[in-house]
C-alpha atoms as a PDB file:
ATOM      1  CA  MET A   1     -20.261   2.852  29.142  1.00  0.00           C
ATOM      2  CA  LEU A   2     -18.425   5.921  27.882  1.00  0.00           C
ATOM      3  CA  LYS A   3     -20.289   8.679  26.134  1.00  0.00           C
ATOM      4  CA  ILE A   4     -19.424   9.402  22.497  1.00  0.00           C
ATOM      5  CA  GLN A   5     -17.826  12.733  23.495  1.00  0.00           C
ATOM      6  CA  GLU A   6     -15.560  10.936  25.972  1.00  0.00           C
ATOM      7  CA  ILE A   7     -14.566   8.388  23.323  1.00  0.00           C
ATOM      8  CA  ARG A   8     -13.765  11.192  20.864  1.00  0.00           C
ATOM      9  CA  GLU A   9     -11.636  12.884  23.511  1.00  0.00           C
ATOM     10  CA  LEU A  10      -9.772   9.612  24.178  1.00  0.00           C
ATOM     11  CA  ILE A  11      -9.124   9.194  20.449  1.00  0.00           C
ATOM     12  CA  ARG A  12      -7.803  12.754  20.235  1.00  0.00           C
ATOM     13  CA  LEU A  13      -5.531  12.291  23.260  1.00  0.00           C
ATOM     14  CA  VAL A  14      -4.132   8.966  22.005  1.00  0.00           C
ATOM     15  CA  ASN A  15      -3.595  10.473  18.547  1.00  0.00           C
ATOM     16  CA  GLU A  16      -1.662  13.440  19.984  1.00  0.00           C
ATOM     17  CA  SER A  17       0.478  11.274  22.285  1.00  0.00           C
ATOM     18  CA  ASN A  18       3.321   8.820  21.716  1.00  0.00           C
ATOM     19  CA  ILE A  19       1.052   5.938  22.737  1.00  0.00           C
ATOM     20  CA  VAL A  20       0.865   3.262  20.023  1.00  0.00           C
ATOM     21  CA  GLU A  21      -1.893   1.137  21.551  1.00  0.00           C
ATOM     22  CA  PHE A  22      -4.531   1.895  24.203  1.00  0.00           C
ATOM     23  CA  VAL A  23      -7.005  -0.510  25.851  1.00  0.00           C
ATOM     24  CA  TYR A  24      -9.835   0.518  28.194  1.00  0.00           C
ATOM     25  CA  GLU A  25     -12.073  -2.027  29.960  1.00  0.00           C
ATOM     26  CA  HIS A  26     -14.964  -1.177  32.262  1.00  0.00           C
ATOM     27  CA  ASP A  27     -18.170  -3.040  33.239  1.00  0.00           C
ATOM     28  CA  GLY A  28     -17.800  -5.644  30.495  1.00  0.00           C
ATOM     29  CA  SER A  29     -17.149  -3.045  27.773  1.00  0.00           C
ATOM     30  CA  LYS A  30     -13.785  -2.878  26.043  1.00  0.00           C
ATOM     31  CA  ILE A  31     -12.301  -0.156  23.832  1.00  0.00           C
ATOM     32  CA  LYS A  32      -9.047  -0.857  22.002  1.00  0.00           C
ATOM     33  CA  MET A  33      -7.254   1.813  19.940  1.00  0.00           C
ATOM     34  CA  LYS A  34      -4.139   1.209  17.877  1.00  0.00           C
ATOM     35  CA  LYS A  35      -2.405   3.809  15.738  1.00  0.00           C
ATOM     36  CA  ALA A  36      -2.152   2.966  12.054  1.00  0.00           C
ATOM     37  CA  GLY A  37       1.344   2.666  10.642  1.00  0.00           C
ATOM     38  CA  ALA A  38       2.883   1.858  14.008  1.00  0.00           C
ATOM     39  CA  ALA A  39       6.150  -0.032  13.643  1.00  0.00           C
ATOM     40  CA  GLU A  40       5.982  -3.511  15.092  1.00  0.00           C
ATOM     41  CA  GLN A  41       8.916  -4.773  17.115  1.00  0.00           C
ATOM     42  CA  VAL A  42      10.231  -8.269  16.595  1.00  0.00           C
ATOM     43  CA  VAL A  43      11.847  -9.846  19.628  1.00  0.00           C
ATOM     44  CA  VAL A  44      13.938 -12.960  19.042  1.00  0.00           C
ATOM     45  CA  ALA A  45      14.882 -15.156  21.968  1.00  0.00           C
ATOM     46  CA  THR A  46      17.693 -17.638  21.416  1.00  0.00           C
ATOM     47  CA  PRO A  47      17.073 -20.984  23.073  1.00  0.00           C
ATOM     48  CA  LYS A  48      19.310 -21.916  25.972  1.00  0.00           C
ATOM     49  CA  VAL A  49      21.369 -25.040  25.230  1.00  0.00           C
ATOM     50  CA  ASP A  50      22.330 -27.142  28.225  1.00  0.00           C
ATOM     51  CA  VAL A  51      25.641 -28.950  27.817  1.00  0.00           C
ATOM     52  CA  PRO A  52      25.789 -32.183  29.809  1.00  0.00           C
ATOM     53  CA  GLN A  53      28.508 -32.370  32.466  1.00  0.00           C
ATOM     54  CA  THR A  54      30.520 -35.326  31.114  1.00  0.00           C
ATOM     55  CA  SER A  55      34.120 -35.906  30.325  1.00  0.00           C
ATOM     56  CA  VAL A  56      33.297 -36.570  26.672  1.00  0.00           C
ATOM     57  CA  VAL A  57      32.131 -33.462  24.884  1.00  0.00           C
ATOM     58  CA  GLN A  58      29.939 -34.112  21.895  1.00  0.00           C
ATOM     59  CA  GLN A  59      30.046 -31.619  19.078  1.00  0.00           C
ATOM     60  CA  GLN A  60      26.560 -30.275  18.425  1.00  0.00           C
ATOM     61  CA  PRO A  61      25.671 -28.025  15.550  1.00  0.00           C
ATOM     62  CA  PRO A  62      24.939 -24.480  16.697  1.00  0.00           C
ATOM     63  CA  VAL A  63      21.318 -23.559  17.132  1.00  0.00           C
ATOM     64  CA  THR A  64      20.390 -20.785  14.748  1.00  0.00           C
ATOM     65  CA  PRO A  65      17.184 -18.891  15.389  1.00  0.00           C
ATOM     66  CA  VAL A  66      15.033 -18.356  12.328  1.00  0.00           C
ATOM     67  CA  VAL A  67      13.783 -14.828  11.857  1.00  0.00           C
ATOM     68  CA  GLU A  68      11.287 -14.010   9.168  1.00  0.00           C
ATOM     69  CA  LYS A  69      11.747 -10.748   7.349  1.00  0.00           C
ATOM     70  CA  VAL A  70       9.272  -8.189   8.632  1.00  0.00           C
ATOM     71  CA  GLU A  71       8.594  -5.133   6.530  1.00  0.00           C
ATOM     72  CA  VAL A  72       7.686  -1.987   8.376  1.00  0.00           C
ATOM     73  CA  LYS A  73       5.773   0.388   6.150  1.00  0.00           C
ATOM     74  CA  GLU A  74       5.476   3.977   7.211  1.00  0.00           C
ATOM     75  CA  GLU A  75       2.580   5.920   5.819  1.00  0.00           C
ATOM     76  CA  ALA A  76       3.656   8.720   3.546  1.00  0.00           C
ATOM     77  CA  LYS A  77       2.229  11.883   4.988  1.00  0.00           C
ATOM     78  CA  PRO A  78       1.376  14.533   2.466  1.00  0.00           C
ATOM     79  CA  GLU A  79       3.477  17.614   2.874  1.00  0.00           C
ATOM     80  CA  LYS A  80       1.368  20.439   4.160  1.00  0.00           C
ATOM     81  CA  GLN A  81       1.908  23.793   2.589  1.00  0.00           C
ATOM     82  CA  VAL A  82       3.319  26.181   5.160  1.00  0.00           C
ATOM     83  CA  VAL A  83       1.516  29.515   5.238  1.00  0.00           C
ATOM     84  CA  ALA A  84       3.200  32.473   6.901  1.00  0.00           C
ATOM     85  CA  THR A  85       0.760  33.597   9.594  1.00  0.00           C
ATOM     86  CA  GLU A  86       2.170  37.104   9.850  1.00  0.00           C
ATOM     87  CA  ASN A  87      -0.430  39.764   9.100  1.00  0.00           C
ATOM     88  CA  LEU A  88      -3.176  37.136   8.818  1.00  0.00           C
ATOM     89  CA  HIS A  89      -6.424  37.242  10.758  1.00  0.00           C
ATOM     90  CA  THR A  90      -7.451  33.990  12.446  1.00  0.00           C
ATOM     91  CA  ILE A  91     -11.152  33.166  12.634  1.00  0.00           C
ATOM     92  CA  THR A  92     -11.614  31.070  15.772  1.00  0.00           C
ATOM     93  CA  SER A  93     -14.436  28.925  17.069  1.00  0.00           C
ATOM     94  CA  PRO A  94     -16.579  30.789  19.603  1.00  0.00           C
ATOM     95  CA  MET A  95     -17.668  27.503  21.214  1.00  0.00           C
ATOM     96  CA  VAL A  96     -17.149  23.759  21.462  1.00  0.00           C
ATOM     97  CA  GLY A  97     -19.053  21.922  18.737  1.00  0.00           C
ATOM     98  CA  THR A  98     -18.957  20.309  15.311  1.00  0.00           C
ATOM     99  CA  PHE A  99     -17.590  22.283  12.347  1.00  0.00           C
ATOM    100  CA  TYR A 100     -19.635  22.274   9.129  1.00  0.00           C
ATOM    101  CA  ALA A 101     -18.231  23.942   5.998  1.00  0.00           C
ATOM    102  CA  ALA A 102     -21.602  23.939   4.188  1.00  0.00           C
ATOM    103  CA  PRO A 103     -25.254  24.552   5.090  1.00  0.00           C
ATOM    104  CA  SER A 104     -26.164  20.954   4.165  1.00  0.00           C
ATOM    105  CA  PRO A 105     -24.263  17.786   3.198  1.00  0.00           C
ATOM    106  CA  ASP A 106     -25.074  18.148  -0.514  1.00  0.00           C
ATOM    107  CA  ALA A 107     -24.427  21.927  -0.722  1.00  0.00           C
ATOM    108  CA  ALA A 108     -21.207  23.687  -1.702  1.00  0.00           C
ATOM    109  CA  PRO A 109     -19.032  25.000   1.151  1.00  0.00           C
ATOM    110  CA  TYR A 110     -19.643  28.558   2.325  1.00  0.00           C
ATOM    111  CA  VAL A 111     -16.040  29.514   1.472  1.00  0.00           C
ATOM    112  CA  LYS A 112     -12.888  27.915   0.111  1.00  0.00           C
ATOM    113  CA  VAL A 113      -9.252  28.996  -0.206  1.00  0.00           C
ATOM    114  CA  GLY A 114      -8.988  32.055  -2.444  1.00  0.00           C
ATOM    115  CA  ASP A 115     -12.538  33.336  -1.818  1.00  0.00           C
ATOM    116  CA  LYS A 116     -13.009  37.021  -0.977  1.00  0.00           C
ATOM    117  CA  VAL A 117     -15.064  37.657   2.159  1.00  0.00           C
ATOM    118  CA  LYS A 118     -16.638  40.646   3.910  1.00  0.00           C
ATOM    119  CA  LYS A 119     -16.990  41.108   7.689  1.00  0.00           C
ATOM    120  CA  ASP A 120     -20.516  39.718   7.682  1.00  0.00           C
ATOM    121  CA  THR A 121     -19.875  36.808   5.268  1.00  0.00           C
ATOM    122  CA  ILE A 122     -20.852  33.463   6.786  1.00  0.00           C
ATOM    123  CA  VAL A 123     -17.830  31.152   6.556  1.00  0.00           C
ATOM    124  CA  CYS A 124     -19.116  28.047   8.389  1.00  0.00           C
ATOM    125  CA  ILE A 125     -21.496  26.623  10.974  1.00  0.00           C
ATOM    126  CA  VAL A 126     -20.556  25.306  14.422  1.00  0.00           C
ATOM    127  CA  GLU A 127     -23.234  22.991  15.783  1.00  0.00           C
ATOM    128  CA  ALA A 128     -23.513  22.648  19.555  1.00  0.00           C
ATOM    129  CA  MET A 129     -26.355  20.741  21.235  1.00  0.00           C
ATOM    130  CA  LYS A 130     -28.522  20.778  18.082  1.00  0.00           C
ATOM    131  CA  LEU A 131     -28.116  24.556  17.685  1.00  0.00           C
ATOM    132  CA  PHE A 132     -26.493  25.614  14.411  1.00  0.00           C
ATOM    133  CA  ASN A 133     -24.432  28.785  14.919  1.00  0.00           C
ATOM    134  CA  GLU A 134     -23.352  30.696  11.806  1.00  0.00           C
ATOM    135  CA  ILE A 135     -19.790  32.003  12.068  1.00  0.00           C
ATOM    136  CA  GLU A 136     -18.919  35.248  10.268  1.00  0.00           C
ATOM    137  CA  ALA A 137     -15.564  36.261   8.750  1.00  0.00           C
ATOM    138  CA  GLU A 138     -15.047  39.213  11.166  1.00  0.00           C
ATOM    139  CA  VAL A 139     -12.816  41.030   8.594  1.00  0.00           C
ATOM    140  CA  ASP A 140     -12.795  41.912   4.889  1.00  0.00           C
ATOM    141  CA  GLY A 141     -10.191  39.842   3.049  1.00  0.00           C
ATOM    142  CA  GLU A 142      -9.275  36.608   1.300  1.00  0.00           C
ATOM    143  CA  ILE A 143      -9.434  33.080   2.727  1.00  0.00           C
ATOM    144  CA  VAL A 144      -5.839  31.787   2.819  1.00  0.00           C
ATOM    145  CA  GLU A 145      -6.328  28.461   4.593  1.00  0.00           C
ATOM    146  CA  VAL A 146      -9.100  26.289   6.029  1.00  0.00           C
ATOM    147  CA  LEU A 147      -7.649  24.742   9.202  1.00  0.00           C
ATOM    148  CA  VAL A 148     -10.334  22.142  10.030  1.00  0.00           C
ATOM    149  CA  LYS A 149     -12.201  19.431   8.138  1.00  0.00           C
ATOM    150  CA  ASN A 150     -15.932  19.193   7.626  1.00  0.00           C
ATOM    151  CA  GLY A 151     -17.554  17.308  10.522  1.00  0.00           C
ATOM    152  CA  GLN A 152     -14.536  17.768  12.802  1.00  0.00           C
ATOM    153  CA  LEU A 153     -15.030  18.462  16.508  1.00  0.00           C
ATOM    154  CA  VAL A 154     -13.694  21.913  17.435  1.00  0.00           C
ATOM    155  CA  GLU A 155     -12.828  23.464  20.775  1.00  0.00           C
ATOM    156  CA  TYR A 156     -13.488  26.973  22.079  1.00  0.00           C
ATOM    157  CA  GLY A 157     -10.888  29.326  20.575  1.00  0.00           C
ATOM    158  CA  GLN A 158      -9.619  26.761  18.052  1.00  0.00           C
ATOM    159  CA  PRO A 159      -8.469  28.403  14.786  1.00  0.00           C
ATOM    160  CA  LEU A 160     -10.826  27.620  11.876  1.00  0.00           C
ATOM    161  CA  PHE A 161      -9.629  29.879   9.017  1.00  0.00           C
ATOM    162  CA  LEU A 162      -6.732  32.159   8.138  1.00  0.00           C
ATOM    163  CA  VAL A 163      -7.765  35.358   6.332  1.00  0.00           C
ATOM    164  CA  LYS A 164      -5.499  37.856   4.597  1.00  0.00           C
ATOM    165  CA  PRO A 165      -7.089  41.216   5.487  1.00  0.00           C
ATOM    166  CA  GLU A 166      -7.591  43.815   2.746  1.00  0.00           C
END
């Protein structure tokens, strides 16, 4: 059976690819992933009509295939505000782990967009192997954008925040 980390990696790879559906079977276990909002194709095959080889040709009504109307709904993706990254400092993850915006699930986040931070201000926690590592802002400035979601898996060097230095 796959480990949870391997499953998460598969989900990430399928999500970033053009694959619409992915199936993995191994030792009696089966994992099936299908992207939401994927357009379904409708294939219509017209039946072959054999005309008997006789001297008298009988007029038969044409065979008309029946096709039901299929609506393809595309999910409306919210437009993301584009932030010019010139002159902005990027706070990156120093390790692979899970990003936490707050010290506990019921607490307020360490920082949010618009907050002023100092070099030593804690902006988040990255948890790796049950060790909770506090990440500092690294520069004095203002948080312009939070690039990851709470509970999201992050990679080494992955951008977490954009900060406008003072």
